[in-house]
Protein backbone atom coordinates (compact mmCIF):
# COMPACT_ATOMS: atom_id res chain seq x y z
CA MET A 1 8.39 -21.77 17.20
CA PRO A 2 5.66 -23.84 18.89
CA THR A 3 6.98 -26.48 21.26
CA GLN A 4 5.54 -29.38 19.21
CA TYR A 5 8.22 -28.72 16.54
CA TRP A 6 11.17 -28.83 18.95
CA ARG A 7 11.74 -32.54 18.39
CA SER A 8 11.12 -32.65 14.67
CA GLN A 9 13.87 -34.14 12.49
CA GLU A 10 14.30 -30.82 10.69
CA THR A 11 14.78 -28.97 13.99
CA ILE A 12 17.28 -31.54 15.26
CA GLU A 13 19.30 -31.24 12.06
CA ARG A 14 19.28 -27.44 12.34
CA LEU A 15 20.41 -27.60 15.98
CA ASN A 16 23.26 -29.93 15.06
CA ARG A 17 24.64 -27.25 12.72
CA LEU A 18 24.69 -24.49 15.36
CA GLU A 19 27.82 -23.06 16.94
CA ARG A 20 27.95 -22.82 20.77
CA PRO A 21 26.27 -19.40 21.14
CA GLY A 22 23.37 -20.40 18.89
CA PHE A 23 22.92 -23.69 20.70
CA ALA A 24 22.99 -21.91 24.07
CA LEU A 25 20.29 -19.53 22.87
CA GLU A 26 18.13 -22.43 21.71
CA PHE A 27 18.62 -24.18 25.06
CA LEU A 28 17.52 -21.08 26.98
CA ARG A 29 14.61 -20.45 24.65
CA ARG A 30 13.26 -23.89 25.53
CA ASN A 31 13.85 -23.53 29.29
CA ALA A 32 10.54 -22.80 31.04
CA ASP A 33 12.24 -21.10 34.02
CA TYR A 34 14.19 -18.82 31.69
CA ARG A 35 11.05 -17.91 29.72
CA ARG A 36 9.17 -17.09 32.93
CA ASP A 37 12.05 -15.00 34.25
CA PHE A 38 12.39 -13.20 30.90
CA ALA A 39 8.66 -12.34 30.94
CA ARG A 40 8.95 -11.13 34.55
CA THR A 41 11.96 -9.00 33.60
CA GLU A 42 10.04 -7.46 30.69
CA ARG A 43 7.13 -6.61 33.02
CA LEU A 44 9.50 -5.02 35.56
CA MET A 45 11.08 -2.85 32.85
CA ALA A 46 7.64 -1.68 31.71
CA HIS A 47 6.89 -0.10 35.11
CA ASP A 48 7.36 3.64 35.42
CA GLY A 49 10.46 4.55 37.38
CA ALA A 50 12.14 1.20 36.82
CA ASP A 51 15.77 1.37 35.73
CA PRO A 52 15.96 -0.94 32.69
CA GLU A 53 19.77 -1.21 32.83
CA THR A 54 19.71 -2.43 36.44
CA ILE A 55 16.91 -4.89 35.69
CA ARG A 56 18.68 -6.21 32.57
CA SER A 57 21.97 -6.56 34.46
CA SER A 58 20.28 -8.50 37.23
CA PHE A 59 18.63 -10.81 34.70
CA ALA A 60 21.95 -11.36 32.89
CA ARG A 61 23.71 -12.19 36.18
CA ARG A 62 21.02 -14.70 37.18
CA TRP A 63 21.38 -16.54 33.86
CA ARG A 64 25.14 -15.95 33.49
CA LEU A 65 24.60 -14.18 30.16
CA ARG A 66 27.34 -12.24 28.41
CA CYS A 67 27.20 -10.32 25.19
CA ARG A 68 30.39 -10.18 23.19
CA PRO A 69 30.97 -8.19 20.02
């Protein structure tokens, strides 16, 4: 979603209906530092010889991310 829609009334109403995990995801998605780090992480994983699991784990630790079933 382009950033110009982030403050639209429709978006605000949708955000107000989210549970905590969904809201957290929306917060991170709008965070410029997170987006830059995510892009950097994707580039690192694309390099030959890079261990994607180690890179993903490091990224998750930096942003305190946890995936729960």
